[in-house]
Structure formats: structure tokens, C-alpha cells
Amino acid sequence: MKVIVRISLDTIKHKDVIDVIMACPKPFRTEYIVEAIRYTRRNLIPQQQENEDSKSVDFKKIW
């Protein structure tokens, strides 16, 4: 099953992110974004929060 997720990025504030996504070949963009999110979860989110039963993450506590 697939879930459709749509995001909007500010062309001025997120220009660097847009440039990277647009440079990636279209068939690989989804996997690129998925891997970036997985990398963030593994490396930036504290381990104790990952082990909680809740799937949601309170980003206000992290950032």
C-alpha cells in the first residue's frame, strides 16, 4: 500500500533543499527523501525517544 504525501516548500527559505531534490532523478526522489528522514531519526533523535511506544515525535522538544 502507498500513502501519498504532498509538501510545499518556500522557494526562498528552502532553495538549497529544492535544488538538491530537483537535481535528483525523478524516479529516485521518493527514496532519497525517505532515506533522509531515516537518517535523521537514527542520528538526530535521542535514542530514548525512539524506544517509546508512541510513533509520533514531538519535534519542539528536539529542535
Protein backbone atom coordinates (compact mmCIF):
# COMPACT_ATOMS: atom_id res chain seq x y z
CA MET A 1 0.00 0.00 0.00
CA LYS A 2 1.23 3.51 -0.77
CA VAL A 3 0.49 6.70 1.11
CA ILE A 4 0.53 9.94 -0.82
CA VAL A 5 2.24 12.81 0.98
CA ARG A 6 2.42 16.29 -0.50
CA ILE A 7 4.69 19.04 0.79
CA SER A 8 5.16 22.67 -0.17
CA LEU A 9 8.50 24.42 0.17
CA ASP A 10 9.17 28.14 0.26
CA THR A 11 11.36 28.89 -2.79
CA ILE A 12 13.45 31.45 -0.90
CA LYS A 13 13.72 29.86 2.53
CA HIS A 14 14.30 26.29 1.26
CA LYS A 15 16.16 26.95 -2.01
CA ASP A 16 19.04 24.66 -1.05
CA VAL A 17 16.66 21.77 -0.34
CA ILE A 18 14.72 22.37 -3.56
CA ASP A 19 17.96 22.40 -5.57
CA VAL A 20 19.02 19.04 -4.13
CA ILE A 21 15.62 17.45 -4.75
CA MET A 22 15.43 18.78 -8.31
CA ALA A 23 18.96 17.53 -9.06
CA CYS A 24 17.93 14.02 -8.05
CA PRO A 25 16.41 11.98 -10.93
CA LYS A 26 12.63 11.88 -10.56
CA PRO A 27 12.36 8.09 -10.07
CA PHE A 28 14.76 8.29 -7.09
CA ARG A 29 13.34 11.36 -5.30
CA THR A 30 10.98 9.46 -3.02
CA GLU A 31 13.68 7.05 -1.87
CA TYR A 32 16.08 9.97 -1.36
CA ILE A 33 13.61 11.74 0.93
CA VAL A 34 12.76 8.52 2.79
CA GLU A 35 16.45 7.83 3.44
CA ALA A 36 16.98 11.42 4.63
CA ILE A 37 14.16 11.01 7.16
CA ARG A 38 15.52 7.64 8.32
CA TYR A 39 19.00 9.14 8.70
CA THR A 40 17.55 11.98 10.77
CA ARG A 41 15.67 9.58 13.03
CA ARG A 42 18.77 7.41 13.55
CA ASN A 43 21.25 10.20 14.14
CA LEU A 44 19.45 13.24 15.49
CA ILE A 45 16.55 11.95 17.56
CA PRO A 46 17.59 10.80 21.04
CA GLN A 47 17.54 7.01 21.47
CA GLN A 48 15.20 7.13 24.46
CA GLN A 49 12.53 8.77 22.34
CA GLU A 50 12.83 6.11 19.64
CA ASN A 51 12.11 3.36 22.17
CA GLU A 52 8.83 4.86 23.34
CA ASP A 53 5.62 3.16 22.23
CA SER A 54 4.37 6.36 20.60
CA LYS A 55 5.13 6.66 16.90
CA SER A 56 4.74 10.43 16.93
CA VAL A 57 7.72 12.61 17.71
CA ASP A 58 7.44 15.98 19.42
CA PHE A 59 9.88 17.99 17.30
CA LYS A 60 9.53 21.01 19.62
CA LYS A 61 11.47 19.04 22.26
CA ILE A 62 14.20 18.10 19.79
CA TRP A 63 14.76 21.37 17.99
